[in-house]
C-alpha atoms as a PDB file:
ATOM      1  CA  MET A   1     -20.889  -8.497   2.627  1.00  0.00           C
ATOM      2  CA  SER A   2     -22.668  -5.308   1.627  1.00  0.00           C
ATOM      3  CA  SER A   3     -23.545  -2.695   4.217  1.00  0.00           C
ATOM      4  CA  ALA A   4     -27.262  -3.020   3.422  1.00  0.00           C
ATOM      5  CA  SER A   5     -27.313  -6.774   4.038  1.00  0.00           C
ATOM      6  CA  HIS A   6     -25.300  -6.266   7.253  1.00  0.00           C
ATOM      7  CA  ILE A   7     -27.914  -3.751   8.503  1.00  0.00           C
ATOM      8  CA  ASP A   8     -30.739  -6.122   7.528  1.00  0.00           C
ATOM      9  CA  ARG A   9     -29.084  -8.936   9.494  1.00  0.00           C
ATOM     10  CA  CYS A  10     -28.668  -6.622  12.482  1.00  0.00           C
ATOM     11  CA  GLU A  11     -32.299  -5.545  12.300  1.00  0.00           C
ATOM     12  CA  LEU A  12     -33.452  -9.168  12.270  1.00  0.00           C
ATOM     13  CA  GLU A  13     -31.202  -9.911  15.255  1.00  0.00           C
ATOM     14  CA  PHE A  14     -32.790  -7.023  17.163  1.00  0.00           C
ATOM     15  CA  VAL A  15     -36.341  -8.098  16.328  1.00  0.00           C
ATOM     16  CA  ARG A  16     -35.636 -11.596  17.643  1.00  0.00           C
ATOM     17  CA  LEU A  17     -34.252 -10.203  20.901  1.00  0.00           C
ATOM     18  CA  THR A  18     -37.172  -7.787  21.461  1.00  0.00           C
ATOM     19  CA  ASN A  19     -40.830  -8.654  21.474  1.00  0.00           C
ATOM     20  CA  ARG A  20     -42.214  -5.447  22.972  1.00  0.00           C
ATOM     21  CA  PHE A  21     -43.280  -2.253  21.239  1.00  0.00           C
ATOM     22  CA  LYS A  22     -41.855   1.115  22.170  1.00  0.00           C
ATOM     23  CA  ALA A  23     -42.156   4.333  20.197  1.00  0.00           C
ATOM     24  CA  GLY A  24     -38.431   5.006  20.316  1.00  0.00           C
ATOM     25  CA  GLU A  25     -37.564   1.507  19.112  1.00  0.00           C
ATOM     26  CA  TRP A  26     -40.113   1.768  16.327  1.00  0.00           C
ATOM     27  CA  LEU A  27     -38.689   5.113  15.154  1.00  0.00           C
ATOM     28  CA  PHE A  28     -35.131   3.788  15.429  1.00  0.00           C
ATOM     29  CA  HIS A  29     -35.901   0.889  13.103  1.00  0.00           C
ATOM     30  CA  ASN A  30     -38.521   2.399  10.815  1.00  0.00           C
ATOM     31  CA  CYS A  31     -37.947   6.140  10.632  1.00  0.00           C
ATOM     32  CA  TYR A  32     -34.385   6.848  11.690  1.00  0.00           C
ATOM     33  CA  CYS A  33     -34.453  10.266  10.016  1.00  0.00           C
ATOM     34  CA  LEU A  34     -36.924  11.379  12.732  1.00  0.00           C
ATOM     35  CA  TYR A  35     -35.379   9.335  15.570  1.00  0.00           C
ATOM     36  CA  ASN A  36     -31.894  10.792  15.204  1.00  0.00           C
ATOM     37  CA  PRO A  37     -32.649  14.527  15.831  1.00  0.00           C
ATOM     38  CA  ILE A  38     -35.245  13.730  18.527  1.00  0.00           C
ATOM     39  CA  TYR A  39     -32.825  11.405  20.369  1.00  0.00           C
ATOM     40  CA  THR A  40     -29.998  13.956  20.060  1.00  0.00           C
ATOM     41  CA  LEU A  41     -32.157  16.709  21.572  1.00  0.00           C
ATOM     42  CA  TYR A  42     -33.309  14.367  24.355  1.00  0.00           C
ATOM     43  CA  LYS A  43     -29.756  13.265  25.278  1.00  0.00           C
ATOM     44  CA  THR A  44     -28.390  16.812  25.071  1.00  0.00           C
ATOM     45  CA  TYR A  45     -31.111  18.039  27.417  1.00  0.00           C
ATOM     46  CA  ARG A  46     -31.163  15.054  29.786  1.00  0.00           C
ATOM     47  CA  ASP A  47     -27.372  14.994  30.212  1.00  0.00           C
ATOM     48  CA  ARG A  48     -26.771  18.739  30.058  1.00  0.00           C
ATOM     49  CA  PHE A  49     -25.159  18.973  33.519  1.00  0.00           C
ATOM     50  CA  THR A  50     -22.783  16.096  32.791  1.00  0.00           C
ATOM     51  CA  LEU A  51     -21.895  17.593  29.428  1.00  0.00           C
ATOM     52  CA  SER A  52     -21.278  20.971  31.052  1.00  0.00           C
ATOM     53  CA  LEU A  53     -18.955  19.378  33.601  1.00  0.00           C
ATOM     54  CA  ILE A  54     -17.044  17.555  30.845  1.00  0.00           C
ATOM     55  CA  ARG A  55     -16.835  20.722  28.742  1.00  0.00           C
ATOM     56  CA  LYS A  56     -15.314  22.697  31.636  1.00  0.00           C
ATOM     57  CA  ASN A  57     -12.723  20.049  32.455  1.00  0.00           C
ATOM     58  CA  ILE A  58     -11.307  18.962  29.104  1.00  0.00           C
ATOM     59  CA  PRO A  59      -7.556  19.738  29.166  1.00  0.00           C
ATOM     60  CA  ASP A  60      -5.573  20.834  26.108  1.00  0.00           C
ATOM     61  CA  GLY A  61      -4.411  17.884  24.055  1.00  0.00           C
ATOM     62  CA  ALA A  62      -7.103  15.585  25.479  1.00  0.00           C
ATOM     63  CA  VAL A  63      -8.088  12.309  23.836  1.00  0.00           C
ATOM     64  CA  MET A  64     -11.768  11.547  24.508  1.00  0.00           C
ATOM     65  CA  LEU A  65     -13.038   7.958  24.570  1.00  0.00           C
ATOM     66  CA  ASP A  66     -16.719   7.191  24.029  1.00  0.00           C
ATOM     67  CA  ILE A  67     -17.049   3.543  25.086  1.00  0.00           C
ATOM     68  CA  GLY A  68     -20.428   2.178  24.181  1.00  0.00           C
ATOM     69  CA  ALA A  69     -20.988   5.062  21.778  1.00  0.00           C
ATOM     70  CA  ASN A  70     -24.426   3.920  20.656  1.00  0.00           C
ATOM     71  CA  VAL A  71     -25.245   5.975  17.529  1.00  0.00           C
ATOM     72  CA  GLY A  72     -22.674   8.670  18.283  1.00  0.00           C
ATOM     73  CA  VAL A  73     -24.618  11.450  20.026  1.00  0.00           C
ATOM     74  CA  PHE A  74     -21.916  12.040  22.655  1.00  0.00           C
ATOM     75  CA  SER A  75     -19.121  11.343  20.161  1.00  0.00           C
ATOM     76  CA  THR A  76     -20.403  14.206  17.987  1.00  0.00           C
ATOM     77  CA  LEU A  77     -20.814  16.504  21.007  1.00  0.00           C
ATOM     78  CA  PHE A  78     -17.329  15.609  22.263  1.00  0.00           C
ATOM     79  CA  ALA A  79     -15.876  16.379  18.848  1.00  0.00           C
ATOM     80  CA  GLU A  80     -17.465  19.848  18.996  1.00  0.00           C
ATOM     81  CA  MET A  81     -16.064  20.359  22.525  1.00  0.00           C
ATOM     82  CA  VAL A  82     -12.507  19.313  21.834  1.00  0.00           C
ATOM     83  CA  GLY A  83     -12.119  21.014  18.475  1.00  0.00           C
ATOM     84  CA  PRO A  84      -9.732  20.083  15.644  1.00  0.00           C
ATOM     85  CA  ALA A  85      -6.538  19.874  17.768  1.00  0.00           C
ATOM     86  CA  ARG A  86      -7.782  16.989  19.932  1.00  0.00           C
ATOM     87  CA  ARG A  87      -9.250  13.512  19.252  1.00  0.00           C
ATOM     88  CA  VAL A  88     -12.387  11.501  19.991  1.00  0.00           C
ATOM     89  CA  HIS A  89     -12.393   7.695  19.685  1.00  0.00           C
ATOM     90  CA  ALA A  90     -15.826   6.016  19.674  1.00  0.00           C
ATOM     91  CA  PHE A  91     -16.390   2.306  20.267  1.00  0.00           C
ATOM     92  CA  GLU A  92     -19.727   0.488  19.792  1.00  0.00           C
ATOM     93  CA  PRO A  93     -20.101  -3.326  19.822  1.00  0.00           C
ATOM     94  CA  GLU A  94     -23.731  -3.620  18.639  1.00  0.00           C
ATOM     95  CA  CYS A  95     -23.700  -3.921  14.873  1.00  0.00           C
ATOM     96  CA  LEU A  96     -26.712  -1.759  13.903  1.00  0.00           C
ATOM     97  CA  ASN A  97     -25.666   1.058  16.251  1.00  0.00           C
ATOM     98  CA  PHE A  98     -22.121   0.772  14.861  1.00  0.00           C
ATOM     99  CA  GLU A  99     -23.378   1.147  11.305  1.00  0.00           C
ATOM    100  CA  ARG A 100     -25.278   4.298  12.262  1.00  0.00           C
ATOM    101  CA  LEU A 101     -22.332   5.604  14.267  1.00  0.00           C
ATOM    102  CA  LYS A 102     -20.140   5.296  11.155  1.00  0.00           C
ATOM    103  CA  LYS A 103     -22.676   7.211   9.081  1.00  0.00           C
ATOM    104  CA  ARG A 104     -22.937   9.976  11.701  1.00  0.00           C
ATOM    105  CA  THR A 105     -19.198  10.576  12.137  1.00  0.00           C
END
């Protein structure tokens, strides 16, 4: 199965599950190139205190787990925090988010 058809199937699955309109959902599905940087800025700002706490308490040799990684915002931030000597493992069960997580990382 090609990646494009997999994403199309995932998009159809999402549309069936959701019958309401939200700006973020519309951008996510129709203009991801705008959604991605806006969402990254929003999450970085909204969770700045949590991220600061994590940043201060990561020990040397840490392995970070991002369970329910969504599109990889925290995975990317964790990778910047831990540097090249440590690891980040991201897990995302929802197929469209997983496809976008793979592209981001």
